Protein backbone atom coordinates (compact mmCIF):
# COMPACT_ATOMS: atom_id res chain seq x y z
CA MET A 1 0.01 0.02 -0.04
CA GLY A 2 1.17 3.65 -0.79
CA ASP A 3 1.05 6.27 1.72
CA TRP A 4 2.92 9.00 -0.31
CA HIS A 5 0.29 11.69 0.62
CA GLY A 6 0.96 11.15 4.26
CA GLY A 7 4.90 11.24 4.02
CA VAL A 8 7.44 13.97 2.95
CA LEU A 9 6.04 15.89 -0.12
CA ILE A 10 8.39 18.85 -1.60
CA GLY A 11 6.07 21.52 -3.43
CA PHE A 12 8.18 22.91 -6.20
CA ASP A 13 7.12 25.72 -8.70
CA LEU A 14 8.93 28.14 -10.88
CA GLU A 15 8.02 31.63 -12.17
CA THR A 16 9.42 32.31 -15.49
CA THR A 17 10.18 34.66 -18.41
CA GLY A 18 7.69 32.75 -20.62
CA THR A 19 5.81 29.84 -21.29
CA GLU A 20 8.04 27.74 -23.54
CA PRO A 21 10.05 25.63 -21.31
CA GLY A 22 13.07 25.39 -23.88
CA GLU A 23 13.58 28.93 -24.07
CA SER A 24 12.19 30.70 -21.06
CA ARG A 25 14.21 31.41 -17.97
CA ILE A 26 13.84 31.30 -14.12
CA VAL A 27 12.62 34.37 -12.38
CA THR A 28 11.60 32.82 -9.00
CA ALA A 29 11.75 29.31 -7.51
CA ALA A 30 10.30 27.81 -4.40
CA LEU A 31 10.41 24.68 -2.50
CA VAL A 32 7.95 24.05 0.28
CA GLU A 33 8.27 20.85 2.68
CA VAL A 34 5.17 19.17 3.80
CA ARG A 35 5.36 16.27 6.46
CA GLY A 36 2.03 14.77 7.37
CA GLY A 37 0.21 17.84 6.01
CA GLU A 38 2.20 20.26 7.92
CA VAL A 39 4.51 22.89 6.42
CA ARG A 40 8.00 22.17 7.90
CA GLU A 41 10.43 24.47 5.68
CA ARG A 42 10.12 26.98 2.82
CA ARG A 43 12.99 28.10 0.43
CA GLY A 44 12.65 30.87 -2.04
CA TRP A 45 15.16 32.21 -4.73
CA LEU A 46 14.81 35.28 -7.06
CA ALA A 47 16.95 35.00 -10.11
CA ASP A 48 18.32 37.47 -12.68
CA PRO A 49 17.18 35.49 -15.66
CA GLY A 50 20.06 37.12 -17.91
CA ILE A 51 17.58 38.45 -20.43
CA PRO A 52 14.58 40.99 -20.06
CA ILE A 53 11.45 39.86 -18.63
CA PRO A 54 8.61 40.53 -20.81
CA ALA A 55 5.90 42.68 -19.58
CA GLY A 56 3.13 39.93 -19.94
CA ALA A 57 5.27 37.70 -17.55
CA SER A 58 5.96 40.47 -15.08
CA ALA A 59 2.41 41.32 -15.08
CA ILE A 60 1.69 37.67 -13.97
CA HIS A 61 4.19 37.06 -11.34
CA GLY A 62 4.97 40.68 -10.30
CA ILE A 63 8.66 40.54 -10.92
CA SER A 64 10.11 43.32 -12.98
CA THR A 65 13.38 43.05 -14.99
CA GLU A 66 14.69 46.11 -12.98
CA ARG A 67 13.92 44.21 -9.67
CA ALA A 68 15.54 41.08 -10.98
CA VAL A 69 18.56 42.67 -12.05
CA ALA A 70 18.78 44.71 -8.62
CA GLU A 71 17.94 41.98 -6.24
CA GLY A 72 18.18 38.54 -7.86
CA ARG A 73 21.07 36.37 -8.06
CA PRO A 74 22.74 35.09 -11.17
CA VAL A 75 20.33 32.23 -12.59
CA ARG A 76 23.12 29.75 -13.05
CA GLU A 77 23.39 29.87 -9.25
CA VAL A 78 19.86 29.41 -8.49
CA ALA A 79 19.53 26.79 -10.98
CA GLU A 80 22.38 25.04 -9.56
CA GLU A 81 20.90 25.29 -5.95
CA VAL A 82 17.30 24.39 -6.93
CA ALA A 83 18.60 21.15 -8.71
CA ASP A 84 20.81 20.16 -5.69
CA ALA A 85 17.94 20.68 -3.31
CA LEU A 86 15.44 18.77 -5.38
CA VAL A 87 18.00 15.88 -5.69
CA GLY A 88 18.77 16.12 -2.04
CA HIS A 89 14.89 15.62 -1.31
CA TRP A 90 14.58 12.66 -3.70
CA ARG A 91 17.78 10.94 -2.13
CA GLY A 92 16.02 11.42 1.36
CA GLY A 93 12.91 9.50 0.24
CA ALA A 94 10.69 12.71 -0.55
CA VAL A 95 8.26 12.90 -3.28
CA VAL A 96 8.31 16.01 -5.42
CA VAL A 97 4.93 17.84 -6.17
CA ALA A 98 4.62 20.10 -9.08
CA TYR A 99 1.41 21.34 -10.93
CA ASN A 100 2.23 20.75 -14.45
CA ALA A 101 5.50 19.28 -13.48
CA ALA A 102 6.77 18.70 -17.15
CA PHE A 103 6.94 22.51 -17.51
CA ASP A 104 9.02 23.25 -14.46
CA LEU A 105 11.27 20.34 -14.68
CA THR A 106 11.98 20.77 -18.26
CA LEU A 107 12.69 24.36 -17.73
CA LEU A 108 15.08 23.69 -14.84
CA SER A 109 16.66 21.02 -17.02
CA ALA A 110 16.91 23.47 -19.81
CA GLU A 111 18.79 26.12 -17.49
CA LEU A 112 21.14 23.45 -16.41
CA ALA A 113 22.07 22.58 -19.77
CA ARG A 114 22.31 25.96 -20.89
CA HIS A 115 24.83 26.84 -18.33
CA GLY A 116 26.98 23.86 -18.48
CA LEU A 117 25.76 22.29 -15.17
CA PRO A 118 25.23 18.62 -14.41
CA SER A 119 21.79 17.41 -15.44
CA LEU A 120 19.23 16.04 -12.74
CA ALA A 121 20.12 12.44 -14.31
CA ASP A 122 23.62 12.98 -13.64
CA ARG A 123 22.98 14.06 -9.97
CA LEU A 124 20.97 11.01 -9.46
CA GLY A 125 23.28 8.56 -10.97
CA GLY A 126 21.31 7.93 -14.23
CA GLU A 127 17.65 8.14 -13.05
CA GLU A 128 15.67 10.79 -15.17
CA THR A 129 14.13 12.26 -11.92
CA GLY A 130 13.15 10.88 -8.53
CA PRO A 131 9.39 10.28 -7.90
CA VAL A 132 7.15 13.18 -9.10
CA VAL A 133 3.55 13.99 -8.36
CA ASP A 134 1.77 16.12 -10.86
CA PRO A 135 -1.70 17.19 -9.68
CA LEU A 136 -2.70 18.40 -13.19
CA THR A 137 -1.83 15.03 -14.67
CA ILE A 138 -3.63 13.06 -12.16
CA ASP A 139 -6.71 15.20 -12.26
CA ARG A 140 -6.91 14.84 -16.00
CA ALA A 141 -7.15 11.17 -15.61
CA VAL A 142 -9.36 10.65 -12.56
CA ASP A 143 -11.88 13.35 -13.63
CA ARG A 144 -11.17 12.95 -17.37
CA TYR A 145 -14.55 14.39 -18.65
CA ARG A 146 -15.01 17.57 -16.33
CA ARG A 147 -15.60 20.68 -17.99
CA GLY A 148 -13.77 23.80 -17.35
CA LYS A 149 -10.29 25.22 -17.08
CA ARG A 150 -7.62 23.20 -15.31
CA THR A 151 -5.55 25.80 -14.19
CA LEU A 152 -4.03 25.66 -10.67
CA GLU A 153 -6.55 28.18 -9.50
CA ALA A 154 -9.38 26.30 -11.11
CA VAL A 155 -8.60 23.03 -9.65
CA CYS A 156 -7.93 24.46 -6.36
CA ARG A 157 -11.56 25.61 -6.30
CA VAL A 158 -12.76 22.03 -7.63
CA TYR A 159 -10.89 20.46 -4.50
CA GLY A 160 -11.52 23.04 -1.92
CA VAL A 161 -7.92 24.36 -1.63
CA THR A 162 -7.19 28.02 -0.67
CA LEU A 163 -4.82 29.74 -3.12
CA ASP A 164 -4.01 33.01 -1.56
CA ALA A 165 -1.73 34.31 -3.98
CA ALA A 166 -1.67 32.74 -7.32
CA HIS A 167 1.55 33.04 -9.48
CA ASP A 168 3.68 33.61 -6.23
CA ALA A 169 6.10 30.52 -6.40
CA GLY A 170 5.86 29.62 -2.70
CA ALA A 171 2.04 29.92 -2.66
CA ASP A 172 1.59 27.82 -5.87
CA ALA A 173 4.13 25.12 -4.54
CA LEU A 174 2.19 24.71 -1.40
CA ALA A 175 -1.14 24.59 -3.20
CA ALA A 176 0.13 22.01 -5.47
CA VAL A 177 0.86 19.70 -2.43
CA GLU A 178 -2.59 20.63 -1.04
CA VAL A 179 -4.42 19.59 -4.09
CA ALA A 180 -2.24 16.45 -4.47
CA ARG A 181 -3.47 15.56 -0.87
CA ALA A 182 -6.87 16.41 -1.68
CA ILE A 183 -7.02 14.20 -4.77
CA ALA A 184 -5.70 11.42 -2.64
CA ALA A 185 -8.40 11.87 0.04
CA ARG A 186 -11.24 11.82 -2.89
CA HIS A 187 -9.54 8.96 -4.89
CA PRO A 188 -8.60 6.02 -2.73
CA GLU A 189 -7.30 4.24 -5.86
CA VAL A 190 -4.61 6.93 -6.23
CA ALA A 191 -3.83 7.08 -2.66
CA ALA A 192 -3.12 3.47 -2.39
CA LEU A 193 -0.35 3.57 -4.88
CA THR A 194 3.34 3.57 -4.02
CA PRO A 195 5.34 6.76 -5.22
CA ALA A 196 7.23 4.51 -7.95
CA ASP A 197 3.80 3.26 -9.12
CA LEU A 198 2.03 6.58 -9.27
CA HIS A 199 5.02 8.18 -11.10
CA ALA A 200 4.69 5.52 -13.72
CA ARG A 201 0.93 5.71 -13.95
CA GLN A 202 1.25 9.43 -14.41
CA GLY A 203 3.61 9.00 -17.44
CA THR A 204 0.91 6.62 -19.02
CA TRP A 205 -1.85 9.07 -18.11
CA HIS A 206 0.17 12.05 -19.59
CA ALA A 207 0.77 10.11 -22.73
CA ARG A 208 -2.85 9.40 -23.20
CA TRP A 209 -3.96 12.80 -22.62
CA ALA A 210 -1.34 14.21 -25.03
CA ARG A 211 -2.32 11.77 -27.91
CA ASP A 212 -6.16 12.93 -27.25
CA PHE A 213 -5.33 16.51 -27.17
CA GLN A 214 -3.07 16.34 -30.31
CA SER A 215 -5.96 14.37 -32.09
CA TYR A 216 -8.37 17.05 -30.99
CA LEU A 217 -6.14 20.11 -32.04
CA ARG A 218 -5.77 18.41 -35.37
CA ARG A 219 -9.60 17.85 -35.98
CA GLN A 220 -9.81 21.82 -35.16
CA GLY A 221 -7.89 22.93 -37.93
CA THR A 222 -4.33 22.64 -36.56
CA PRO A 223 -3.18 19.68 -38.82
CA ASP A 224 0.60 19.89 -37.69
CA ALA A 225 -0.03 20.17 -34.01
CA VAL A 226 2.26 17.94 -31.99
CA ILE A 227 1.94 17.61 -27.97
CA ASP A 228 4.84 15.77 -26.39
CA THR A 229 3.80 12.62 -24.62
CA ALA A 230 6.99 12.64 -22.44
CA TRP A 231 6.61 12.99 -18.65
CA PRO A 232 7.98 14.29 -16.44
CA LEU A 233 10.45 15.71 -18.68
CA ARG A 234 9.47 16.57 -22.07
CA GLY A 235 11.14 14.70 -24.95
CA LEU A 236 13.30 17.39 -26.72
CA LEU A 237 15.70 19.82 -24.89
CA PRO A 238 17.40 22.50 -26.64
CA ALA A 239 20.99 22.49 -27.29
CA ALA A 240 22.94 24.43 -24.48
CA GLY A 241 23.95 27.89 -25.52
């Protein structure tokens, strides 16, 4: 039997310069450690991403280029510390929880490659990642036909989770953990899985969703639409540089 939802969960979130993980850069990062439902530790980072932050991105997360340059640390250092922290938690037996995990983990991996730093797999001795729980992927699987948006804010409302400051990395990281625990409470078949089994199931669930969504887009008039079936890291990372 699994008890991942009652163990050590590490909420993880990035706020970034854009929506394409291969090209966008880290602006803020957060890790929130939850044990048995109680917050034990919070860590946060503000990075100077090395490129201007588009106005649209600043409008979402509230960080301007000027503030990032003045107060942020070099993004290379932030990426290194975040990767080390994640790997340390995985080595300690924790489960990392990230909403739309393939975005955050792929973007972090792209930053590591861009700056010539060891990948997550390098740090983990060959494993792509440790166990990951993505409430978005699970929610799509267990409530497949629910109408409406699947943003973090929308899914928080579905599961009765309070999200006080959307697009603040720390708030989003904690909300992801609380949504994951709420899904486990509502769906015993998910709660009963071991972290390894749940990780594997999510890969299958994401691939099914991706194929279905790609077919939908092609039927709607985008014949060359491609949705990556890989999870929790997207299939193709950009070359470093």
